[in-house]
């Protein structure tokens, strides 16, 4: 882990005050991918606006002492009939879909802040807002970071439950899940 200056985390439950900073952070985080259709700023903004209007939406942003956003995580609560579950193959176990759970929709940290613990701080701060939910699910591009991103999630306790192809221009993603903190459940 490298060291960097301190960051301050801010939690939002309303998209409006966080929207511009989320877009700015996303643009920095995904800079080298912005030419790909699924990663354009307009595609992200469309997803952000849709997700921000969904039930239980929350975001955490990391800011430098100078106020620049350098990382973010956001998600919302999903139910068993949510399209999130319907796009996963094979069909996820009823154990996961029978109750509302958290969908971690985005997590990203700018290059200078990677390997500093910032992404884990963002992740954990976001999950703290959802501690009453039994599970958190996410989708990851298995090629991201030459597989290192998925390995990082596995080191945080996530396990694969299937694959998803959420949009024509998106890569095929690995669907993962783990208990939220305080819920000890082993994969089966």
C-alpha atoms as a PDB file:
ATOM      1  CA  UNK A   1       0.000   0.000   0.000  1.00  0.00           C
ATOM      2  CA  UNK A   2       1.348   3.415  -0.899  1.00  0.00           C
ATOM      3  CA  UNK A   3       0.800   6.571   1.092  1.00  0.00           C
ATOM      4  CA  UNK A   4      -1.000   9.685  -0.008  1.00  0.00           C
ATOM      5  CA  UNK A   5      -2.378  12.750   1.647  1.00  0.00           C
ATOM      6  CA  UNK A   6      -5.431  12.310   3.831  1.00  0.00           C
ATOM      7  CA  UNK A   7      -8.928  12.201   2.381  1.00  0.00           C
ATOM      8  CA  UNK A   8     -12.239  13.127   3.923  1.00  0.00           C
ATOM      9  CA  UNK A   9     -15.272  10.945   3.210  1.00  0.00           C
ATOM     10  CA  UNK A  10     -18.700  12.477   2.688  1.00  0.00           C
ATOM     11  CA  UNK A  11     -21.890  10.414   2.546  1.00  0.00           C
ATOM     12  CA  UNK A  12     -24.885  11.490   0.449  1.00  0.00           C
ATOM     13  CA  UNK A  13     -28.401  10.084   0.282  1.00  0.00           C
ATOM     14  CA  UNK A  14     -29.603  12.606  -2.300  1.00  0.00           C
ATOM     15  CA  UNK A  15     -28.007  12.711  -5.753  1.00  0.00           C
ATOM     16  CA  UNK A  16     -28.354  16.468  -6.395  1.00  0.00           C
ATOM     17  CA  UNK A  17     -25.584  17.752  -4.090  1.00  0.00           C
ATOM     18  CA  UNK A  18     -23.184  14.948  -5.118  1.00  0.00           C
ATOM     19  CA  UNK A  19     -23.894  14.692  -8.856  1.00  0.00           C
ATOM     20  CA  UNK A  20     -21.228  17.076 -10.221  1.00  0.00           C
ATOM     21  CA  UNK A  21     -18.527  15.623  -7.961  1.00  0.00           C
ATOM     22  CA  UNK A  22     -19.498  12.051  -8.885  1.00  0.00           C
ATOM     23  CA  UNK A  23     -19.218  12.885 -12.588  1.00  0.00           C
ATOM     24  CA  UNK A  24     -15.869  14.659 -12.052  1.00  0.00           C
ATOM     25  CA  UNK A  25     -14.462  11.732 -10.074  1.00  0.00           C
ATOM     26  CA  UNK A  26     -15.766   9.214 -12.622  1.00  0.00           C
ATOM     27  CA  UNK A  27     -14.121  11.156 -15.469  1.00  0.00           C
ATOM     28  CA  UNK A  28     -10.757  11.019 -13.668  1.00  0.00           C
ATOM     29  CA  UNK A  29     -11.120   7.384 -12.577  1.00  0.00           C
ATOM     30  CA  UNK A  30     -12.150   6.032 -15.995  1.00  0.00           C
ATOM     31  CA  UNK A  31     -10.077   8.452 -18.106  1.00  0.00           C
ATOM     32  CA  UNK A  32      -8.397   5.840 -20.284  1.00  0.00           C
ATOM     33  CA  UNK A  33     -11.714   4.050 -20.955  1.00  0.00           C
ATOM     34  CA  UNK A  34     -13.901   7.047 -21.821  1.00  0.00           C
ATOM     35  CA  UNK A  35     -13.639   6.317 -25.561  1.00  0.00           C
ATOM     36  CA  UNK A  36     -15.488   2.989 -25.105  1.00  0.00           C
ATOM     37  CA  UNK A  37     -19.295   3.175 -25.507  1.00  0.00           C
ATOM     38  CA  UNK A  38     -20.144   1.742 -22.066  1.00  0.00           C
ATOM     39  CA  UNK A  39     -17.666   4.071 -20.309  1.00  0.00           C
ATOM     40  CA  UNK A  40     -18.465   7.436 -21.893  1.00  0.00           C
ATOM     41  CA  UNK A  41     -19.355  10.236 -19.512  1.00  0.00           C
ATOM     42  CA  UNK A  42     -22.832  10.419 -21.051  1.00  0.00           C
ATOM     43  CA  UNK A  43     -23.395   6.666 -20.474  1.00  0.00           C
ATOM     44  CA  UNK A  44     -22.240   7.027 -16.870  1.00  0.00           C
ATOM     45  CA  UNK A  45     -24.415  10.106 -16.333  1.00  0.00           C
ATOM     46  CA  UNK A  46     -27.476   8.264 -17.659  1.00  0.00           C
ATOM     47  CA  UNK A  47     -26.805   5.353 -15.281  1.00  0.00           C
ATOM     48  CA  UNK A  48     -26.085   7.699 -12.372  1.00  0.00           C
ATOM     49  CA  UNK A  49     -29.334   9.619 -12.867  1.00  0.00           C
ATOM     50  CA  UNK A  50     -31.332   6.378 -13.110  1.00  0.00           C
ATOM     51  CA  UNK A  51     -29.643   4.830 -10.079  1.00  0.00           C
ATOM     52  CA  UNK A  52     -29.907   8.059  -8.080  1.00  0.00           C
ATOM     53  CA  UNK A  53     -33.691   7.954  -8.411  1.00  0.00           C
ATOM     54  CA  UNK A  54     -33.961   4.369  -7.160  1.00  0.00           C
ATOM     55  CA  UNK A  55     -34.876   3.261  -3.651  1.00  0.00           C
ATOM     56  CA  UNK A  56     -32.237   3.422  -0.973  1.00  0.00           C
ATOM     57  CA  UNK A  57     -29.618   5.239  -3.059  1.00  0.00           C
ATOM     58  CA  UNK A  58     -26.496   6.414  -1.225  1.00  0.00           C
ATOM     59  CA  UNK A  59     -23.004   7.531  -2.226  1.00  0.00           C
ATOM     60  CA  UNK A  60     -19.709   8.156  -0.495  1.00  0.00           C
ATOM     61  CA  UNK A  61     -17.111  10.471  -2.014  1.00  0.00           C
ATOM     62  CA  UNK A  62     -13.469  10.866  -0.981  1.00  0.00           C
ATOM     63  CA  UNK A  63     -12.134  14.435  -1.097  1.00  0.00           C
ATOM     64  CA  UNK A  64      -8.607  15.784  -0.777  1.00  0.00           C
ATOM     65  CA  UNK A  65      -7.914  18.528   1.739  1.00  0.00           C
ATOM     66  CA  UNK A  66      -8.298  20.900  -1.227  1.00  0.00           C
ATOM     67  CA  UNK A  67     -11.834  19.647  -1.915  1.00  0.00           C
ATOM     68  CA  UNK A  68     -11.111  17.628  -5.062  1.00  0.00           C
ATOM     69  CA  UNK A  69     -13.112  14.372  -5.386  1.00  0.00           C
ATOM     70  CA  UNK A  70     -10.661  11.476  -5.844  1.00  0.00           C
ATOM     71  CA  UNK A  71     -12.887   8.472  -5.321  1.00  0.00           C
ATOM     72  CA  UNK A  72     -16.484   7.399  -5.000  1.00  0.00           C
ATOM     73  CA  UNK A  73     -18.791   4.501  -4.280  1.00  0.00           C
ATOM     74  CA  UNK A  74     -22.534   4.367  -4.699  1.00  0.00           C
ATOM     75  CA  UNK A  75     -25.330   1.866  -4.575  1.00  0.00           C
ATOM     76  CA  UNK A  76     -28.935   1.297  -3.749  1.00  0.00           C
ATOM     77  CA  UNK A  77     -31.330  -1.285  -2.348  1.00  0.00           C
ATOM     78  CA  UNK A  78     -32.688  -3.911  -4.738  1.00  0.00           C
ATOM     79  CA  UNK A  79     -35.555  -6.370  -4.413  1.00  0.00           C
ATOM     80  CA  UNK A  80     -35.917  -9.885  -5.817  1.00  0.00           C
ATOM     81  CA  UNK A  81     -37.660  -8.721  -8.997  1.00  0.00           C
ATOM     82  CA  UNK A  82     -35.050  -6.068  -9.800  1.00  0.00           C
ATOM     83  CA  UNK A  83     -33.483  -6.260 -13.253  1.00  0.00           C
ATOM     84  CA  UNK A  84     -30.113  -6.608 -11.498  1.00  0.00           C
ATOM     85  CA  UNK A  85     -31.024 -10.206 -10.589  1.00  0.00           C
ATOM     86  CA  UNK A  86     -32.809 -10.978 -13.844  1.00  0.00           C
ATOM     87  CA  UNK A  87     -29.632 -10.359 -15.895  1.00  0.00           C
ATOM     88  CA  UNK A  88     -27.526 -12.830 -13.891  1.00  0.00           C
ATOM     89  CA  UNK A  89     -27.021 -16.341 -15.204  1.00  0.00           C
ATOM     90  CA  UNK A  90     -27.554 -18.791 -13.670  1.00  0.00           C
ATOM     91  CA  UNK A  91     -30.504 -17.471 -11.681  1.00  0.00           C
ATOM     92  CA  UNK A  92     -29.214 -16.414  -8.248  1.00  0.00           C
ATOM     93  CA  UNK A  93     -30.204 -18.495  -5.236  1.00  0.00           C
ATOM     94  CA  UNK A  94     -33.384 -17.522  -3.413  1.00  0.00           C
ATOM     95  CA  UNK A  95     -31.168 -16.972  -0.352  1.00  0.00           C
ATOM     96  CA  UNK A  96     -29.947 -13.765  -2.043  1.00  0.00           C
ATOM     97  CA  UNK A  97     -33.100 -12.551  -3.783  1.00  0.00           C
ATOM     98  CA  UNK A  98     -35.762 -13.260  -1.150  1.00  0.00           C
ATOM     99  CA  UNK A  99     -35.102 -10.029   0.747  1.00  0.00           C
ATOM    100  CA  UNK A 100     -33.888  -6.518  -0.061  1.00  0.00           C
ATOM    101  CA  UNK A 101     -30.111  -6.342  -0.478  1.00  0.00           C
ATOM    102  CA  UNK A 102     -27.553  -3.711  -1.460  1.00  0.00           C
ATOM    103  CA  UNK A 103     -26.318  -3.386  -5.033  1.00  0.00           C
ATOM    104  CA  UNK A 104     -22.900  -1.715  -5.154  1.00  0.00           C
ATOM    105  CA  UNK A 105     -23.253  -0.018  -8.534  1.00  0.00           C
ATOM    106  CA  UNK A 106     -19.928   1.865  -8.809  1.00  0.00           C
ATOM    107  CA  UNK A 107     -16.644   2.091  -6.943  1.00  0.00           C
ATOM    108  CA  UNK A 108     -13.635   3.947  -8.293  1.00  0.00           C
ATOM    109  CA  UNK A 109     -10.504   5.738  -7.143  1.00  0.00           C
ATOM    110  CA  UNK A 110      -8.217   7.969  -9.216  1.00  0.00           C
ATOM    111  CA  UNK A 111      -4.768   6.619 -10.094  1.00  0.00           C
ATOM    112  CA  UNK A 112      -2.768   8.543  -7.461  1.00  0.00           C
ATOM    113  CA  UNK A 113      -5.100   7.240  -4.750  1.00  0.00           C
ATOM    114  CA  UNK A 114      -5.036   3.555  -5.731  1.00  0.00           C
ATOM    115  CA  UNK A 115      -3.281   1.191  -3.340  1.00  0.00           C
ATOM    116  CA  UNK A 116      -3.718   3.667  -0.470  1.00  0.00           C
ATOM    117  CA  UNK A 117      -6.710   1.993   1.200  1.00  0.00           C
ATOM    118  CA  UNK A 118      -9.085   4.633  -0.168  1.00  0.00           C
ATOM    119  CA  UNK A 119     -11.236   2.175  -2.112  1.00  0.00           C
ATOM    120  CA  UNK A 120     -11.700  -0.025   0.960  1.00  0.00           C
ATOM    121  CA  UNK A 121     -12.577   3.015   3.089  1.00  0.00           C
ATOM    122  CA  UNK A 122     -15.171   4.082   0.495  1.00  0.00           C
ATOM    123  CA  UNK A 123     -16.580   0.556   0.284  1.00  0.00           C
ATOM    124  CA  UNK A 124     -16.854   0.144   4.040  1.00  0.00           C
ATOM    125  CA  UNK A 125     -18.356   3.611   4.558  1.00  0.00           C
ATOM    126  CA  UNK A 126     -21.000   2.894   1.943  1.00  0.00           C
ATOM    127  CA  UNK A 127     -21.859  -0.479   3.470  1.00  0.00           C
ATOM    128  CA  UNK A 128     -22.176   1.147   6.897  1.00  0.00           C
ATOM    129  CA  UNK A 129     -25.243   2.936   5.530  1.00  0.00           C
ATOM    130  CA  UNK A 130     -26.785  -0.472   4.761  1.00  0.00           C
ATOM    131  CA  UNK A 131     -25.787  -2.552   7.793  1.00  0.00           C
ATOM    132  CA  UNK A 132     -29.357  -3.839   8.274  1.00  0.00           C
ATOM    133  CA  UNK A 133     -29.321  -5.516   4.846  1.00  0.00           C
ATOM    134  CA  UNK A 134     -27.982  -9.086   4.806  1.00  0.00           C
ATOM    135  CA  UNK A 135     -26.022  -8.997   1.541  1.00  0.00           C
ATOM    136  CA  UNK A 136     -24.236  -6.694  -0.855  1.00  0.00           C
ATOM    137  CA  UNK A 137     -23.887  -7.625  -4.518  1.00  0.00           C
ATOM    138  CA  UNK A 138     -21.684  -6.125  -7.209  1.00  0.00           C
ATOM    139  CA  UNK A 139     -20.676  -6.780 -10.785  1.00  0.00           C
ATOM    140  CA  UNK A 140     -17.066  -6.589 -11.911  1.00  0.00           C
ATOM    141  CA  UNK A 141     -15.333  -6.810 -15.257  1.00  0.00           C
ATOM    142  CA  UNK A 142     -13.072  -9.847 -14.762  1.00  0.00           C
ATOM    143  CA  UNK A 143     -10.522  -8.257 -17.128  1.00  0.00           C
ATOM    144  CA  UNK A 144     -10.260  -5.026 -15.090  1.00  0.00           C
ATOM    145  CA  UNK A 145      -6.705  -4.552 -13.916  1.00  0.00           C
ATOM    146  CA  UNK A 146      -5.808  -7.875 -15.537  1.00  0.00           C
ATOM    147  CA  UNK A 147      -8.017  -9.627 -12.989  1.00  0.00           C
ATOM    148  CA  UNK A 148      -6.694  -7.731  -9.972  1.00  0.00           C
ATOM    149  CA  UNK A 149      -9.958  -5.861  -9.331  1.00  0.00           C
ATOM    150  CA  UNK A 150     -11.935  -9.089  -9.019  1.00  0.00           C
ATOM    151  CA  UNK A 151      -9.182 -10.542  -6.825  1.00  0.00           C
ATOM    152  CA  UNK A 152      -9.424  -7.474  -4.594  1.00  0.00           C
ATOM    153  CA  UNK A 153     -13.178  -8.010  -4.166  1.00  0.00           C
ATOM    154  CA  UNK A 154     -12.551 -11.674  -3.379  1.00  0.00           C
ATOM    155  CA  UNK A 155     -10.060 -10.601  -0.685  1.00  0.00           C
ATOM    156  CA  UNK A 156     -12.878  -8.471   0.779  1.00  0.00           C
ATOM    157  CA  UNK A 157     -15.081 -11.573   1.101  1.00  0.00           C
ATOM    158  CA  UNK A 158     -17.049 -11.528  -2.174  1.00  0.00           C
ATOM    159  CA  UNK A 159     -17.662 -14.704  -4.160  1.00  0.00           C
ATOM    160  CA  UNK A 160     -18.992 -15.232  -7.670  1.00  0.00           C
ATOM    161  CA  UNK A 161     -22.617 -16.217  -8.224  1.00  0.00           C
ATOM    162  CA  UNK A 162     -22.835 -15.964 -12.009  1.00  0.00           C
ATOM    163  CA  UNK A 163     -22.309 -13.689 -14.973  1.00  0.00           C
ATOM    164  CA  UNK A 164     -24.211 -10.719 -16.339  1.00  0.00           C
ATOM    165  CA  UNK A 165     -24.257  -8.818 -19.619  1.00  0.00           C
ATOM    166  CA  UNK A 166     -26.211  -5.707 -18.587  1.00  0.00           C
ATOM    167  CA  UNK A 167     -25.981  -3.760 -21.857  1.00  0.00           C
ATOM    168  CA  UNK A 168     -24.980  -4.419 -25.470  1.00  0.00           C
ATOM    169  CA  UNK A 169     -21.806  -2.334 -25.155  1.00  0.00           C
ATOM    170  CA  UNK A 170     -20.781  -3.604 -21.743  1.00  0.00           C
ATOM    171  CA  UNK A 171     -18.349  -6.437 -21.145  1.00  0.00           C
ATOM    172  CA  UNK A 172     -19.590  -9.665 -19.610  1.00  0.00           C
ATOM    173  CA  UNK A 173     -19.367  -9.135 -15.872  1.00  0.00           C
ATOM    174  CA  UNK A 174     -18.885 -11.448 -12.915  1.00  0.00           C
ATOM    175  CA  UNK A 175     -21.755 -11.108 -10.432  1.00  0.00           C
ATOM    176  CA  UNK A 176     -20.499 -11.310  -6.858  1.00  0.00           C
ATOM    177  CA  UNK A 177     -22.018 -11.225  -3.384  1.00  0.00           C
ATOM    178  CA  UNK A 178     -21.012 -11.193   0.276  1.00  0.00           C
ATOM    179  CA  UNK A 179     -22.676 -10.533   3.614  1.00  0.00           C
ATOM    180  CA  UNK A 180     -22.726  -6.953   4.833  1.00  0.00           C
ATOM    181  CA  UNK A 181     -20.813  -6.404   8.045  1.00  0.00           C
ATOM    182  CA  UNK A 182     -22.419  -8.100  10.996  1.00  0.00           C
ATOM    183  CA  UNK A 183     -23.969 -10.851   8.865  1.00  0.00           C
ATOM    184  CA  UNK A 184     -21.823 -13.980   8.909  1.00  0.00           C
ATOM    185  CA  UNK A 185     -22.898 -16.216   6.066  1.00  0.00           C
ATOM    186  CA  UNK A 186     -20.599 -18.571   4.178  1.00  0.00           C
ATOM    187  CA  UNK A 187     -20.848 -19.193   0.426  1.00  0.00           C
ATOM    188  CA  UNK A 188     -22.350 -22.445  -0.696  1.00  0.00           C
END
